[in-house]
Protein backbone atom coordinates (compact mmCIF):
# COMPACT_ATOMS: atom_id res chain seq x y z
CA MET A 1 -27.72 -36.37 -67.98
CA LYS A 2 -26.97 -36.28 -71.26
CA SER A 3 -23.36 -35.58 -72.91
CA LYS A 4 -20.95 -36.13 -75.61
CA ASN A 5 -19.19 -34.10 -78.27
CA PHE A 6 -20.25 -31.30 -80.73
CA THR A 7 -20.03 -29.82 -83.40
CA ARG A 8 -22.58 -27.87 -84.96
CA LEU A 9 -23.82 -25.32 -82.35
CA LEU A 10 -27.24 -22.91 -82.60
CA ILE A 11 -26.68 -20.05 -81.03
CA ALA A 12 -29.93 -19.33 -80.02
CA ASN A 13 -29.76 -15.46 -79.16
CA ARG A 14 -28.64 -12.49 -81.30
CA GLY A 15 -26.45 -9.21 -80.90
CA GLU A 16 -23.11 -8.56 -78.90
CA ILE A 17 -23.90 -12.05 -76.97
CA ALA A 18 -24.43 -13.81 -80.20
CA ILE A 19 -20.96 -12.95 -81.46
CA ARG A 20 -19.30 -13.57 -78.47
CA ILE A 21 -20.76 -17.60 -78.32
CA ALA A 22 -19.53 -17.62 -82.21
CA ARG A 23 -15.84 -16.25 -81.88
CA THR A 24 -15.04 -18.86 -79.07
CA ALA A 25 -17.04 -21.51 -80.63
CA LYS A 26 -15.33 -21.27 -84.13
CA GLU A 27 -12.05 -21.73 -82.33
CA MET A 28 -12.82 -24.61 -80.85
CA GLY A 29 -13.58 -25.69 -84.56
CA MET A 30 -17.62 -25.74 -84.14
CA THR A 31 -19.91 -24.30 -87.19
CA CYS A 32 -22.28 -21.75 -85.83
CA ILE A 33 -25.55 -21.62 -87.19
CA GLY A 34 -28.07 -18.76 -86.15
CA ILE A 35 -31.35 -16.91 -86.71
CA LYS A 36 -31.99 -14.32 -88.77
CA THR A 37 -35.61 -12.32 -87.64
CA PRO A 38 -37.61 -9.27 -89.72
CA HIS A 39 -36.55 -7.31 -87.06
CA GLU A 40 -33.30 -7.10 -88.05
CA PRO A 41 -32.78 -9.04 -91.24
CA THR A 42 -29.19 -7.36 -91.67
CA ALA A 43 -28.29 -7.31 -88.52
CA TYR A 44 -24.19 -7.74 -87.53
CA TYR A 45 -24.21 -10.55 -85.29
CA LEU A 46 -24.87 -12.69 -88.91
CA ASN A 47 -21.73 -11.95 -90.10
CA PHE A 48 -20.34 -14.30 -87.60
CA LEU A 49 -22.57 -17.19 -88.28
CA ASP A 50 -21.39 -20.57 -91.18
CA GLU A 51 -24.84 -20.84 -91.52
CA ILE A 52 -28.30 -19.12 -91.22
CA ILE A 53 -31.68 -20.22 -90.38
CA ASP A 54 -34.04 -17.55 -91.98
CA PHE A 55 -37.35 -16.92 -89.90
CA THR A 56 -38.11 -13.60 -92.50
CA ASP A 57 -40.07 -15.80 -94.61
CA ASP A 58 -42.75 -16.68 -92.08
CA PRO A 59 -43.44 -14.16 -89.84
CA SER A 60 -44.51 -16.08 -86.39
CA GLU A 61 -46.97 -14.40 -83.54
CA ILE A 62 -44.10 -15.30 -80.81
CA PRO A 63 -41.10 -13.38 -80.49
CA GLU A 64 -38.46 -15.65 -82.91
CA PHE A 65 -36.12 -15.96 -79.90
CA LEU A 66 -38.84 -17.16 -77.39
CA ASP A 67 -40.46 -19.36 -79.77
CA ILE A 68 -39.71 -23.29 -78.21
CA GLU A 69 -41.22 -24.80 -80.88
CA ARG A 70 -39.90 -23.00 -84.08
CA ILE A 71 -35.80 -23.08 -82.56
CA ILE A 72 -35.98 -26.44 -81.87
CA GLU A 73 -37.53 -27.98 -84.94
CA ALA A 74 -35.39 -25.41 -87.11
CA ALA A 75 -32.27 -27.01 -85.05
CA LYS A 76 -33.57 -30.87 -85.88
CA ALA A 77 -33.93 -29.59 -89.28
CA ASN A 78 -30.65 -28.22 -89.89
CA LYS A 79 -29.19 -31.37 -87.87
CA VAL A 80 -27.93 -29.25 -84.91
CA GLU A 81 -26.43 -30.94 -82.27
CA ALA A 82 -26.09 -28.23 -79.37
CA VAL A 83 -27.87 -25.26 -78.65
CA HIS A 84 -26.53 -22.05 -76.53
CA PRO A 85 -29.01 -19.66 -75.24
CA GLY A 86 -27.08 -16.90 -74.17
CA TYR A 87 -28.65 -14.93 -71.82
CA GLY A 88 -32.16 -13.89 -71.52
CA PHE A 89 -34.98 -15.15 -73.99
CA LEU A 90 -34.96 -18.62 -73.41
CA ALA A 91 -31.45 -18.91 -71.46
CA GLU A 92 -33.00 -19.50 -67.58
CA ASN A 93 -36.58 -21.66 -69.36
CA ALA A 94 -36.72 -24.95 -67.78
CA TYR A 95 -39.28 -26.43 -70.43
CA PHE A 96 -36.88 -25.25 -73.30
CA ALA A 97 -33.54 -26.84 -71.53
CA GLN A 98 -36.02 -29.95 -71.35
CA ARG A 99 -37.39 -30.03 -74.67
CA CYS A 100 -34.00 -29.48 -75.69
CA GLN A 101 -33.05 -33.01 -74.29
CA ASP A 102 -35.89 -34.38 -75.06
CA GLU A 103 -35.12 -34.25 -78.68
CA ASP A 104 -31.44 -35.28 -77.95
CA LEU A 105 -29.97 -31.54 -78.16
CA ILE A 106 -27.38 -30.49 -76.00
CA PHE A 107 -28.54 -27.77 -74.14
CA VAL A 108 -24.84 -25.33 -72.88
CA GLY A 109 -26.33 -24.57 -69.96
CA PRO A 110 -27.41 -25.94 -66.62
CA SER A 111 -29.93 -29.44 -65.88
CA PRO A 112 -33.51 -28.43 -66.65
CA ASP A 113 -34.24 -29.19 -62.71
CA ALA A 114 -31.59 -26.91 -61.59
CA ILE A 115 -33.22 -23.87 -63.61
CA TYR A 116 -36.29 -24.40 -62.76
CA LYS A 117 -35.51 -24.78 -59.14
CA LEU A 118 -32.83 -21.80 -58.93
CA GLY A 119 -35.25 -19.65 -61.06
CA ASN A 120 -37.86 -19.88 -58.67
CA LYS A 121 -36.35 -17.92 -55.39
CA THR A 122 -38.42 -19.45 -52.59
CA ILE A 123 -37.29 -22.50 -53.80
CA ALA A 124 -33.85 -21.08 -54.43
CA LYS A 125 -34.10 -19.59 -50.83
CA GLN A 126 -34.55 -23.16 -49.53
CA ILE A 127 -31.45 -24.58 -51.35
CA ALA A 128 -29.34 -21.86 -49.92
CA ALA A 129 -30.58 -22.63 -46.51
CA LYS A 130 -30.10 -26.07 -46.85
CA SER A 131 -26.36 -25.06 -47.86
CA LYS A 132 -26.12 -23.21 -44.23
CA ALA A 133 -25.98 -20.28 -46.56
CA PRO A 134 -26.45 -16.71 -44.70
CA LEU A 135 -30.27 -15.76 -45.73
CA LEU A 136 -32.38 -12.69 -45.05
CA LYS A 137 -35.17 -12.68 -42.62
CA GLY A 138 -38.43 -13.05 -44.81
CA SER A 139 -41.27 -15.67 -45.42
CA HIS A 140 -40.53 -19.41 -46.39
CA GLY A 141 -42.17 -19.85 -49.23
CA ASN A 142 -44.75 -17.27 -51.09
CA ILE A 143 -47.42 -14.79 -49.44
CA ARG A 144 -50.91 -16.32 -49.68
CA ASN A 145 -52.86 -12.77 -49.17
CA VAL A 146 -53.15 -9.67 -47.80
CA ALA A 147 -53.51 -10.64 -43.97
CA HIS A 148 -50.62 -12.97 -44.29
CA ALA A 149 -48.33 -10.22 -46.22
CA LYS A 150 -49.38 -7.90 -42.94
CA LYS A 151 -48.48 -10.66 -40.27
CA LEU A 152 -45.12 -11.43 -41.78
CA ALA A 153 -43.75 -8.09 -41.96
CA ALA A 154 -44.98 -6.91 -38.45
CA GLN A 155 -42.71 -10.00 -37.44
CA ILE A 156 -39.66 -9.07 -39.51
CA GLY A 157 -40.35 -5.41 -39.17
CA TYR A 158 -40.19 -2.78 -41.46
CA PRO A 159 -39.08 -2.56 -43.71
CA VAL A 160 -39.55 -4.92 -45.93
CA ILE A 161 -39.61 -5.82 -50.00
CA LEU A 162 -42.04 -7.66 -52.29
CA LYS A 163 -40.38 -10.11 -54.58
CA ALA A 164 -41.82 -11.85 -57.38
CA ALA A 165 -41.45 -15.93 -56.99
CA SER A 166 -40.57 -16.27 -60.55
CA GLY A 167 -39.21 -12.89 -61.31
CA GLY A 168 -35.60 -11.27 -62.18
CA GLY A 169 -34.67 -8.13 -63.59
CA GLY A 170 -36.21 -5.74 -61.00
CA ARG A 171 -40.04 -6.56 -61.63
CA GLY A 172 -42.50 -7.62 -59.53
CA MET A 173 -40.84 -5.97 -56.38
CA ARG A 174 -41.67 -3.61 -54.27
CA ILE A 175 -40.42 -1.78 -51.19
CA VAL A 176 -42.84 -1.30 -48.39
CA GLU A 177 -41.72 1.27 -45.67
CA GLU A 178 -44.79 1.42 -43.30
CA GLU A 179 -48.06 -1.22 -42.59
CA HIS A 180 -50.01 1.33 -44.36
CA GLN A 181 -48.43 1.25 -48.03
CA LEU A 182 -48.79 -3.01 -47.88
CA GLU A 183 -51.78 -3.82 -48.96
CA LYS A 184 -51.66 -1.73 -52.50
CA MET A 185 -47.67 -2.82 -52.70
CA PHE A 186 -48.53 -6.68 -52.52
CA HIS A 187 -51.27 -6.49 -55.20
CA MET A 188 -49.09 -3.97 -57.31
CA ALA A 189 -46.17 -6.56 -57.34
CA ARG A 190 -48.62 -9.72 -57.53
CA ASN A 191 -49.98 -8.05 -61.09
CA GLU A 192 -46.28 -7.11 -61.88
CA ALA A 193 -45.07 -10.58 -61.54
CA GLU A 194 -47.99 -12.32 -63.85
CA LYS A 195 -47.80 -10.11 -66.37
CA ALA A 196 -44.05 -10.14 -66.89
CA PHE A 197 -43.52 -14.02 -65.74
CA ASN A 198 -47.14 -15.17 -65.96
CA ASP A 199 -47.07 -16.36 -61.92
CA PRO A 200 -48.35 -14.05 -59.69
CA SER A 201 -46.87 -15.42 -56.62
CA VAL A 202 -44.22 -13.59 -54.38
CA PHE A 203 -42.38 -13.39 -51.20
CA MET A 204 -40.82 -11.15 -48.73
CA GLU A 205 -37.63 -10.27 -47.05
CA LYS A 206 -36.51 -7.93 -45.05
CA TYR A 207 -34.83 -4.73 -47.02
CA VAL A 208 -31.36 -3.92 -46.52
CA ARG A 209 -30.51 -0.20 -47.44
CA ASN A 210 -28.07 0.82 -49.26
CA PRO A 211 -26.17 -2.84 -49.71
CA ARG A 212 -23.80 -3.60 -51.98
CA HIS A 213 -24.91 -5.80 -54.59
CA ILE A 214 -22.06 -8.72 -55.11
CA GLU A 215 -22.54 -11.73 -57.31
CA PHE A 216 -20.06 -14.82 -57.56
CA GLN A 217 -19.27 -16.66 -60.54
CA ILE A 218 -19.17 -19.73 -60.45
CA LEU A 219 -18.04 -22.97 -62.64
CA GLY A 220 -19.16 -26.99 -61.92
CA ASP A 221 -19.16 -29.95 -64.12
CA MET A 222 -21.01 -32.69 -64.39
CA HIS A 223 -19.04 -34.97 -62.44
CA GLY A 224 -19.39 -32.70 -59.23
CA HIS A 225 -16.72 -30.24 -59.13
CA VAL A 226 -17.40 -26.94 -58.32
CA ILE A 227 -15.33 -23.81 -57.91
CA HIS A 228 -15.82 -20.49 -58.02
CA LEU A 229 -13.95 -17.40 -60.04
CA GLY A 230 -14.54 -14.68 -57.91
CA GLU A 231 -16.72 -11.65 -57.57
CA ARG A 232 -17.97 -9.25 -59.41
CA GLU A 233 -19.41 -5.91 -57.81
CA CYS A 234 -22.75 -4.87 -59.30
CA SER A 235 -23.94 -2.21 -57.33
CA ILE A 236 -24.01 0.45 -59.91
CA GLN A 237 -28.29 0.02 -61.23
CA ARG A 238 -30.77 2.05 -61.80
CA LYS A 239 -34.22 0.35 -61.19
CA HIS A 240 -32.40 -3.00 -59.95
CA GLN A 241 -30.68 -2.85 -63.95
CA LYS A 242 -27.42 -3.64 -63.64
CA LEU A 243 -25.16 -0.21 -65.59
CA ILE A 244 -22.12 -0.67 -64.10
CA GLU A 245 -19.85 -3.67 -62.92
CA GLU A 246 -16.38 -4.63 -62.03
CA ALA A 247 -14.02 -7.32 -60.74
CA PRO A 248 -12.96 -7.67 -58.43
CA SER A 249 -14.47 -5.46 -55.65
CA ILE A 250 -13.01 -3.26 -53.36
CA ALA A 251 -15.28 -4.21 -50.05
CA LEU A 252 -13.73 -7.28 -50.26
CA ASP A 253 -10.79 -8.97 -48.49
CA ASN A 254 -9.56 -12.37 -48.23
CA LYS A 255 -11.10 -13.48 -45.99
CA LEU A 256 -14.40 -12.61 -47.25
CA ARG A 257 -13.97 -13.17 -50.73
CA LYS A 258 -13.46 -17.11 -49.47
CA LYS A 259 -16.03 -16.97 -46.97
CA MET A 260 -18.76 -15.51 -49.53
CA GLY A 261 -16.55 -17.85 -52.93
CA GLU A 262 -17.73 -20.96 -50.54
CA ALA A 263 -21.14 -20.38 -50.23
CA ALA A 264 -21.62 -19.88 -53.17
CA ILE A 265 -20.05 -23.13 -54.31
CA ARG A 266 -22.31 -25.19 -51.49
CA ILE A 267 -25.17 -23.63 -53.16
CA ALA A 268 -24.46 -24.94 -56.09
CA LYS A 269 -23.24 -28.26 -54.89
CA THR A 270 -26.64 -28.45 -52.95
CA SER A 271 -28.38 -28.01 -56.41
CA GLY A 272 -26.73 -30.25 -58.77
CA TYR A 273 -25.31 -27.87 -60.34
CA TYR A 274 -23.23 -27.63 -63.90
CA ASN A 275 -21.99 -25.44 -66.14
CA ALA A 276 -21.73 -21.29 -65.35
CA GLY A 277 -23.78 -19.59 -62.89
CA THR A 278 -23.71 -16.77 -60.75
CA VAL A 279 -24.47 -16.59 -57.15
CA GLU A 280 -25.92 -12.95 -55.71
CA PHE A 281 -25.43 -11.83 -52.57
CA LEU A 282 -26.21 -8.49 -50.79
CA LEU A 283 -23.98 -7.26 -48.74
CA ASP A 284 -24.53 -4.73 -45.73
CA ALA A 285 -22.65 -1.88 -44.31
CA ASP A 286 -21.50 -4.29 -41.49
CA ARG A 287 -19.81 -6.59 -44.46
CA ASN A 288 -23.08 -9.45 -43.77
CA PHE A 289 -23.69 -11.13 -46.64
CA PHE A 290 -26.87 -12.94 -47.46
CA PHE A 291 -28.32 -14.89 -50.34
CA MET A 292 -30.33 -13.23 -52.66
CA GLU A 293 -30.57 -15.49 -55.92
CA MET A 294 -28.88 -17.90 -58.57
CA ASN A 295 -28.76 -16.69 -62.41
CA THR A 296 -28.36 -20.24 -64.46
CA ARG A 297 -26.66 -18.66 -67.48
CA ILE A 298 -23.57 -16.49 -68.37
CA GLN A 299 -24.03 -13.20 -67.61
CA VAL A 300 -24.14 -9.69 -69.30
CA GLU A 301 -21.13 -8.79 -67.17
CA HIS A 302 -18.68 -12.17 -67.91
CA PRO A 303 -16.02 -10.57 -69.95
CA VAL A 304 -14.89 -8.50 -66.37
CA THR A 305 -14.11 -11.93 -64.54
CA GLU A 306 -12.57 -13.64 -67.90
CA SER A 307 -10.09 -10.35 -67.77
CA VAL A 308 -8.84 -10.65 -64.04
CA THR A 309 -8.63 -14.72 -64.26
CA GLY A 310 -8.14 -15.04 -68.16
CA ILE A 311 -10.04 -17.78 -67.99
CA ASP A 312 -12.67 -17.98 -71.19
CA LEU A 313 -16.13 -18.68 -69.49
CA ILE A 314 -17.82 -19.56 -73.09
CA GLU A 315 -14.83 -21.51 -73.63
CA TRP A 316 -15.69 -23.76 -70.64
CA GLN A 317 -19.47 -23.92 -71.17
CA LEU A 318 -18.97 -25.66 -74.02
CA LYS A 319 -16.36 -27.96 -72.69
CA ILE A 320 -18.27 -28.96 -69.36
CA ALA A 321 -21.89 -29.06 -72.18
CA ARG A 322 -19.35 -31.95 -73.78
CA GLY A 323 -19.34 -33.84 -70.60
CA GLU A 324 -15.29 -32.60 -69.63
CA THR A 325 -13.77 -32.65 -66.15
CA LEU A 326 -13.36 -29.54 -64.48
CA HIS A 327 -9.41 -29.41 -64.43
CA LEU A 328 -8.91 -25.79 -62.93
CA GLN A 329 -9.13 -26.06 -58.87
CA GLN A 330 -10.02 -23.58 -56.27
CA ASN A 331 -6.27 -22.30 -56.31
CA ASP A 332 -5.59 -22.13 -59.64
CA ILE A 333 -7.65 -18.78 -59.57
CA GLN A 334 -5.72 -16.09 -59.29
CA LEU A 335 -7.31 -12.31 -59.54
CA GLN A 336 -4.92 -10.20 -61.35
CA GLY A 337 -5.66 -6.68 -62.06
CA TRP A 338 -8.83 -4.70 -62.21
CA ALA A 339 -11.50 -4.85 -64.93
CA ILE A 340 -14.41 -2.52 -65.32
CA GLU A 341 -17.36 -2.81 -68.13
CA CYS A 342 -20.01 0.25 -68.65
CA ARG A 343 -23.06 -0.90 -70.64
CA ILE A 344 -23.48 0.86 -74.07
CA ASN A 345 -27.23 1.34 -73.90
CA ALA A 346 -29.69 3.01 -76.58
CA GLU A 347 -31.32 5.46 -74.39
CA ASP A 348 -31.61 9.30 -73.89
CA VAL A 349 -31.03 9.23 -70.07
CA GLN A 350 -31.73 12.82 -69.50
CA SER A 351 -35.46 11.55 -70.21
CA GLY A 352 -35.10 8.92 -67.98
CA PHE A 353 -33.37 5.93 -69.93
CA ALA A 354 -36.07 6.01 -72.35
CA PRO A 355 -35.30 3.69 -75.33
CA TYR A 356 -33.68 5.55 -78.11
CA LEU A 357 -34.42 4.08 -81.72
CA GLY A 358 -33.10 5.27 -84.83
CA LYS A 359 -29.95 4.35 -87.06
CA ILE A 360 -26.27 4.30 -86.09
CA GLU A 361 -24.56 6.98 -88.54
CA LYS A 362 -21.12 6.65 -87.23
CA LEU A 363 -18.82 4.36 -85.06
CA GLN A 364 -15.71 4.65 -83.91
CA ILE A 365 -14.19 1.78 -82.02
CA PRO A 366 -11.47 2.93 -79.34
CA GLY A 367 -8.68 0.38 -79.10
CA GLY A 368 -5.59 -0.52 -76.99
CA LYS A 369 -4.04 -3.79 -75.16
CA ASN A 370 -6.68 -2.44 -72.10
CA VAL A 371 -9.51 -2.24 -73.72
CA ARG A 372 -12.09 -4.57 -75.00
CA PHE A 373 -15.51 -3.82 -76.85
CA ASP A 374 -17.96 -6.50 -77.20
CA ASN A 375 -20.40 -5.22 -79.46
CA GLY A 376 -23.54 -5.97 -81.73
CA ILE A 377 -23.86 -3.21 -83.88
CA GLN A 378 -22.07 -1.76 -87.29
CA GLU A 379 -22.33 1.71 -89.33
CA GLY A 380 -26.03 1.50 -90.61
CA SER A 381 -27.15 -0.64 -87.48
CA ILE A 382 -31.32 0.04 -86.94
CA VAL A 383 -31.79 0.25 -83.28
CA THR A 384 -35.14 -0.82 -82.88
CA SER A 385 -38.73 -1.34 -79.99
CA SER A 386 -38.14 -4.90 -80.63
CA PHE A 387 -35.32 -5.70 -78.49
CA ASP A 388 -33.41 -5.08 -75.28
CA SER A 389 -31.54 -1.18 -75.84
CA MET A 390 -28.47 -2.54 -75.12
CA LEU A 391 -25.59 -2.23 -77.84
CA ALA A 392 -22.56 -3.12 -76.70
CA LYS A 393 -20.42 -3.69 -73.71
CA LEU A 394 -16.89 -2.01 -73.06
CA ILE A 395 -14.77 -3.01 -70.92
CA SER A 396 -11.17 -1.36 -69.73
CA THR A 397 -8.54 -3.33 -67.22
CA GLY A 398 -5.65 -1.70 -65.47
CA GLU A 399 -3.23 -3.22 -63.20
CA THR A 400 -5.59 -1.47 -59.95
CA ARG A 401 -9.09 -0.08 -59.94
CA GLU A 402 -7.44 3.80 -60.06
CA LYS A 403 -5.66 2.78 -63.26
CA ALA A 404 -8.53 0.82 -64.90
CA ILE A 405 -11.42 3.33 -64.48
CA SER A 406 -8.48 6.03 -65.92
CA ASN A 407 -8.88 3.72 -68.76
CA MET A 408 -12.27 3.42 -69.51
CA LEU A 409 -12.34 7.23 -69.18
CA THR A 410 -10.28 7.71 -71.95
CA ALA A 411 -11.80 4.53 -73.79
CA LEU A 412 -15.21 6.56 -73.40
CA LYS A 413 -14.08 9.68 -74.65
CA ARG A 414 -12.70 7.65 -77.71
CA LEU A 415 -16.38 5.42 -78.44
CA TYR A 416 -18.00 7.68 -80.66
CA ILE A 417 -21.70 6.66 -81.46
CA SER A 418 -23.82 9.19 -83.93
CA GLY A 419 -27.11 8.73 -84.99
CA ILE A 420 -28.84 8.14 -81.56
CA LYS A 421 -28.53 8.82 -78.03
CA THR A 422 -26.44 6.28 -75.49
CA THR A 423 -25.29 5.97 -71.97
CA ILE A 424 -21.98 7.08 -72.91
CA PRO A 425 -22.15 10.64 -71.11
CA PHE A 426 -23.96 8.51 -67.96
CA ASP A 427 -21.09 6.27 -67.93
CA ARG A 428 -18.38 9.44 -67.88
CA ALA A 429 -20.39 11.00 -65.07
CA VAL A 430 -20.49 8.20 -63.13
CA LEU A 431 -16.86 7.23 -63.36
CA LYS A 432 -15.96 11.44 -62.79
CA HIS A 433 -18.31 10.80 -59.58
CA PRO A 434 -15.54 11.35 -56.20
CA LYS A 435 -17.36 8.80 -54.60
CA PHE A 436 -17.75 6.33 -57.52
CA ARG A 437 -13.74 6.52 -57.34
CA ASN A 438 -13.31 6.81 -53.85
CA GLY A 439 -15.31 2.75 -54.10
CA ASP A 440 -18.23 4.77 -51.71
CA ILE A 441 -20.87 3.02 -53.57
CA SER A 442 -24.33 1.09 -52.84
CA THR A 443 -27.11 -0.06 -54.69
CA SER A 444 -28.56 3.44 -53.93
CA PHE A 445 -25.73 5.04 -55.20
CA ILE A 446 -27.65 6.42 -58.33
CA GLN A 447 -30.42 7.44 -56.70
CA GLU A 448 -29.24 9.42 -54.21
CA ASP A 449 -25.46 10.75 -54.86
CA MET A 450 -25.93 11.34 -58.70
CA ASP A 451 -27.59 15.05 -58.61
CA LYS A 452 -25.88 15.11 -62.03
CA MET A 453 -26.20 12.43 -64.81
CA TYR A 454 -25.14 12.99 -67.86
CA ASP A 455 -21.46 14.64 -68.58
CA GLU A 456 -21.29 16.71 -71.53
CA GLU A 457 -18.92 16.27 -73.85
CA GLU A 458 -15.87 18.95 -73.18
CA ASP A 459 -15.36 18.58 -77.13
CA ALA A 460 -18.99 19.21 -78.43
CA GLU A 461 -18.88 23.13 -78.80
CA LEU A 462 -15.13 22.89 -80.58
CA LEU A 463 -16.72 20.51 -83.16
CA ALA A 464 -19.67 22.33 -83.84
CA GLY A 465 -17.62 25.48 -84.28
CA PHE A 466 -15.05 23.45 -86.11
CA ILE A 467 -17.30 22.64 -88.68
CA ALA A 468 -19.11 25.79 -89.37
CA ALA A 469 -15.74 27.68 -89.74
CA LEU A 470 -14.92 24.98 -92.49
CA ASP A 471 -18.41 25.54 -94.08
CA TYR A 472 -17.08 29.29 -94.49
CA SER A 473 -13.69 28.25 -95.19
CA ILE A 474 -14.62 26.63 -98.70
CA GLU A 475 -14.60 30.03 -100.52
CA GLN A 476 -12.90 31.71 -98.09
CA ASP A 477 -9.45 30.02 -97.10
CA LYS A 478 -8.08 27.88 -99.62
CA ASP A 479 -4.69 27.22 -97.76
CA LEU A 480 -6.46 26.38 -94.81
CA LEU A 481 -8.45 23.05 -96.39
CA GLN A 482 -5.49 21.71 -97.81
CA GLN A 483 -4.70 21.50 -94.51
CA ILE A 484 -7.94 19.84 -93.45
CA ASP A 485 -9.73 18.15 -95.29
CA PHE A 486 -13.55 18.97 -95.10
CA GLU A 487 -15.40 15.80 -95.50
CA LYS A 488 -12.64 13.96 -93.26
CA GLY A 489 -13.02 16.52 -90.66
CA LYS A 490 -17.15 16.17 -90.26
CA LYS A 491 -16.27 12.24 -90.14
CA MET A 492 -14.01 13.28 -86.82
CA THR A 493 -15.04 12.53 -83.63
CA PRO A 494 -14.75 15.30 -80.82
CA TRP A 495 -11.25 13.30 -79.22
CA VAL A 496 -9.73 12.96 -82.96
CA LEU A 497 -10.45 16.47 -84.08
CA ASN A 498 -9.55 17.97 -80.75
CA LYS A 499 -5.77 16.44 -81.59
CA ARG A 500 -6.02 17.18 -84.99
CA LEU A 501 -6.75 21.32 -84.32
CA LYS A 502 -3.77 21.24 -81.67
CA SER A 503 -1.37 20.39 -84.75
CA LEU A 504 -2.05 22.68 -86.78
């Protein structure tokens, strides 16, 4: 394993995570280099880079952030010493990590071997079994054919779930309730897995109804020292896509947290893992937990862990990549308060969360000591179909879960994005739901409990009425115009507008 000090860092990603990495790396004295693509040549994240590699002049058939050889060639040409892949794109691509090593570039992440083994879910399950982590009853390898699938399902007992061996993000997954569904679901899972991951392999597990999704953040150095930084609750998800996360989880007490954290550490050590990673578990209604998978990268939801531990995960990723020893001990990790993250996506919730394209006309960002906004947008940003629909992440903190929820609702009310539809109304609806407020949630919460997916902006009608009244008043009421500037009023968010009106 190769490590050395470095100062020139290529951020092979875009959007909010590119900005997040750049901020910490610059504080550490690094020069941050990034990639400009033809799909968003004026993207917000470019403002946070010291140097820009321009891919706009020579468009490629391969998406820029997936073109391994082009990225490697550009890195060498620009005297890059290390590459941070962020999340998504090539972050969990073992071949990319290996190519970086081959070209004397430091890959900010785990070893190619760990990425490969843990990225293949059947191998990852074998590692978990070797580390004596609890596993769901299921196949010990990939399923060969329909006959093999039927035999296994009969032994496991229905319902079962088919999963892509090389997959993630909910693709290549099918729930099978009864035997007559199995053949169809088997072929659907294989076809989807092949299209998404170029690997049709699938395996089978017992399906757990209404579990919680609990994941543990781990950090490990290159010298064999591994700790965990507590858990995140990621049960609010739709079609296996996480939407709202929090830390810690209301479902865990200290005893269960210790037990699950120790299991996560054993899995990491058994695989020879170093850098940041996340071990994911399912927790059933009887508080039994089962290993699900391990993500070998920084997670989208890492800010909630940072908020309750005070530890900068990107900083430690970079330090570990330089070969530094992780001086933190498990007893040093103390969870303080509560944190919640809402993913702000450009999606039309009322149209089945369909991606929404367009231009961001107006952006107002909430502030305050209990609010963090990790964003990759600005006024004028164009939302295209070329990239993921996530625009930003809104994080709130509080001394208790109740206070963190309250702070998030206030922040969501003050966050204003016009020109496109976003998931802000959905986030508000979830946080106001009695079951969510009570912590009575599972991965099926949205499907079973969210009868209303949209929280109407309570001041929307007030805003429309106010603007209409101002239009009329231009000629009719000069006194009113002296109190309220018309153009300024048009730009006010509903929350600010309501406060302004009440002061009149």
